Amino acid sequence: MEDNDLKAIDYELTLLVRRATSAAIDKRLGNLERSHYLMLYELSRNGTMGVKALADAFHLDMSTASRQAAALEAKGYVERLPDPEDGRASFFQLTEYGEQELQNTKQTRLDRFNKLLKDWSTEDRQKFVELLSRLNRTFID
């Protein structure tokens, strides 16, 4: 890869991360914190999950995933269910409130991205998804 390409990728990714993580953007993208949104999204997609499965999904250590799940439980977004096979372990599942907050935040985010990308063609959006997915997979390989 050309050195100039690498420099441009470095700059554009740095700028994207900076803009995407600014507090002002977070406020326009719904009520949920980013980590809460991701974890609730994963639970919504996969159903009931244990801490290990959540940690694996996001490449987190178990203590971080456990703290995040406990924070979601404290806010009423998820409920803890005992593991019938292991009394020491538990699973988490979305509550109705958690599902509602997730859907509200998801819609806010989709509305925002729709405005940001309104001038993009369907082909450009699809190509962006393809390349962004490829980049995300590269980070975990």
Protein backbone atom coordinates (compact mmCIF):
# COMPACT_ATOMS: atom_id res chain seq x y z
CA MET A 1 0.00 0.00 0.00
CA GLU A 2 1.25 3.47 -0.87
CA ASP A 3 2.63 5.55 2.00
CA ASN A 4 0.27 8.39 1.07
CA ASP A 5 -2.68 5.99 1.26
CA LEU A 6 -1.64 4.93 4.75
CA LYS A 7 -1.28 8.55 5.82
CA ALA A 8 -4.72 9.40 4.45
CA ILE A 9 -6.29 6.35 6.14
CA ASP A 10 -4.60 7.25 9.43
CA TYR A 11 -5.80 10.85 9.26
CA GLU A 12 -9.37 10.05 8.16
CA LEU A 13 -9.82 7.32 10.79
CA THR A 14 -8.42 9.56 13.51
CA LEU A 15 -10.76 12.35 12.46
CA LEU A 16 -13.73 9.97 12.27
CA VAL A 17 -13.08 8.57 15.74
CA ARG A 18 -12.66 12.07 17.16
CA ARG A 19 -15.90 13.27 15.64
CA ALA A 20 -17.80 10.08 16.45
CA THR A 21 -16.75 10.13 20.10
CA SER A 22 -17.42 13.78 20.85
CA ALA A 23 -19.95 14.44 23.59
CA ALA A 24 -22.02 16.61 21.25
CA ILE A 25 -22.45 13.73 18.80
CA ASP A 26 -23.35 11.31 21.60
CA LYS A 27 -26.18 13.60 22.68
CA ARG A 28 -27.57 13.63 19.15
CA LEU A 29 -27.44 9.84 18.91
CA GLY A 30 -29.82 8.91 21.72
CA ASN A 31 -30.02 8.42 25.47
CA LEU A 32 -27.82 5.35 25.83
CA GLU A 33 -24.08 5.44 26.41
CA ARG A 34 -22.17 3.88 23.53
CA SER A 35 -21.10 0.81 25.53
CA HIS A 36 -24.66 0.30 26.79
CA TYR A 37 -26.05 0.64 23.27
CA LEU A 38 -23.67 -1.99 21.92
CA MET A 39 -24.34 -4.47 24.71
CA LEU A 40 -28.12 -4.03 24.51
CA TYR A 41 -27.92 -4.39 20.72
CA GLU A 42 -26.02 -7.67 21.12
CA LEU A 43 -28.55 -8.98 23.64
CA SER A 44 -31.39 -7.98 21.33
CA ARG A 45 -29.80 -9.86 18.43
CA ASN A 46 -28.81 -12.97 20.37
CA GLY A 47 -31.26 -13.23 23.26
CA THR A 48 -30.14 -14.27 26.72
CA MET A 49 -26.35 -14.21 27.15
CA GLY A 50 -23.86 -14.82 29.92
CA VAL A 51 -20.98 -12.53 30.82
CA LYS A 52 -18.46 -14.72 28.99
CA ALA A 53 -20.48 -14.56 25.76
CA LEU A 54 -20.77 -10.77 26.11
CA ALA A 55 -17.04 -10.47 26.80
CA ASP A 56 -16.25 -12.63 23.77
CA ALA A 57 -18.59 -10.64 21.52
CA PHE A 58 -16.71 -7.40 22.24
CA HIS A 59 -13.25 -8.80 22.98
CA LEU A 60 -13.43 -7.56 26.57
CA ASP A 61 -12.07 -9.16 29.70
CA MET A 62 -14.67 -10.80 31.92
CA SER A 63 -14.45 -8.15 34.66
CA THR A 64 -15.18 -5.32 32.20
CA ALA A 65 -18.13 -7.18 30.67
CA SER A 66 -19.41 -8.02 34.15
CA ARG A 67 -19.24 -4.36 35.26
CA GLN A 68 -21.02 -3.21 32.10
CA ALA A 69 -23.75 -5.83 32.51
CA ALA A 70 -24.18 -4.85 36.17
CA ALA A 71 -24.53 -1.19 35.13
CA LEU A 72 -27.23 -2.18 32.62
CA GLU A 73 -29.00 -4.15 35.33
CA ALA A 74 -28.83 -1.21 37.76
CA LYS A 75 -30.51 1.02 35.16
CA GLY A 76 -33.24 -1.56 34.58
CA TYR A 77 -32.22 -2.28 30.97
CA VAL A 78 -31.52 -5.97 31.62
CA GLU A 79 -32.44 -8.56 34.17
CA ARG A 80 -30.23 -11.27 35.58
CA LEU A 81 -31.42 -14.86 35.34
CA PRO A 82 -29.81 -17.77 37.18
CA ASP A 83 -28.07 -20.42 35.13
CA PRO A 84 -30.05 -23.61 35.83
CA GLU A 85 -26.91 -25.71 35.28
CA ASP A 86 -24.52 -23.63 37.42
CA GLY A 87 -25.84 -21.76 40.44
CA ARG A 88 -22.79 -19.47 40.45
CA ALA A 89 -23.37 -18.23 36.91
CA SER A 90 -26.12 -16.08 35.50
CA PHE A 91 -27.47 -14.84 32.20
CA PHE A 92 -28.71 -11.43 31.16
CA GLN A 93 -31.71 -10.60 29.03
CA LEU A 94 -33.32 -7.35 27.93
CA THR A 95 -36.21 -5.98 29.94
CA GLU A 96 -39.12 -4.28 28.18
CA TYR A 97 -37.64 -0.97 29.31
CA GLY A 98 -34.23 -1.93 27.91
CA GLU A 99 -35.77 -2.96 24.60
CA GLN A 100 -37.70 0.32 24.44
CA GLU A 101 -34.59 2.41 25.17
CA LEU A 102 -32.61 0.43 22.61
CA GLN A 103 -35.24 0.91 19.92
CA ASN A 104 -35.57 4.64 20.70
CA THR A 105 -31.81 5.14 20.54
CA LYS A 106 -31.51 2.99 17.43
CA GLN A 107 -34.18 5.07 15.66
CA THR A 108 -32.48 8.32 16.70
CA ARG A 109 -29.18 7.01 15.35
CA LEU A 110 -30.74 5.81 12.09
CA ASP A 111 -32.45 9.17 11.60
CA ARG A 112 -29.13 10.94 12.19
CA PHE A 113 -27.22 8.71 9.78
CA ASN A 114 -29.98 9.08 7.21
CA LYS A 115 -29.50 12.87 7.36
CA LEU A 116 -25.72 12.58 7.21
CA LEU A 117 -25.78 10.23 4.23
CA LYS A 118 -28.80 11.63 2.38
CA ASP A 119 -26.70 12.57 -0.65
CA TRP A 120 -25.03 9.16 -0.86
CA SER A 121 -26.26 6.71 -3.47
CA THR A 122 -27.46 3.26 -2.47
CA GLU A 123 -24.33 1.85 -4.11
CA ASP A 124 -22.08 4.17 -2.07
CA ARG A 125 -23.84 3.18 1.17
CA GLN A 126 -23.53 -0.52 0.34
CA LYS A 127 -19.85 -0.17 -0.55
CA PHE A 128 -19.23 1.77 2.67
CA VAL A 129 -20.91 -0.99 4.71
CA GLU A 130 -18.81 -3.60 2.92
CA LEU A 131 -15.53 -1.76 3.53
CA LEU A 132 -16.40 -0.79 7.11
CA SER A 133 -17.33 -4.39 7.92
CA ARG A 134 -14.08 -5.57 6.39
CA LEU A 135 -12.12 -3.05 8.47
CA ASN A 136 -13.93 -4.11 11.66
CA ARG A 137 -13.12 -7.77 10.96
CA THR A 138 -9.48 -6.85 10.34
CA PHE A 139 -9.21 -5.34 13.81
CA ILE A 140 -10.15 -8.65 15.47
CA ASP A 141 -8.21 -11.03 13.22
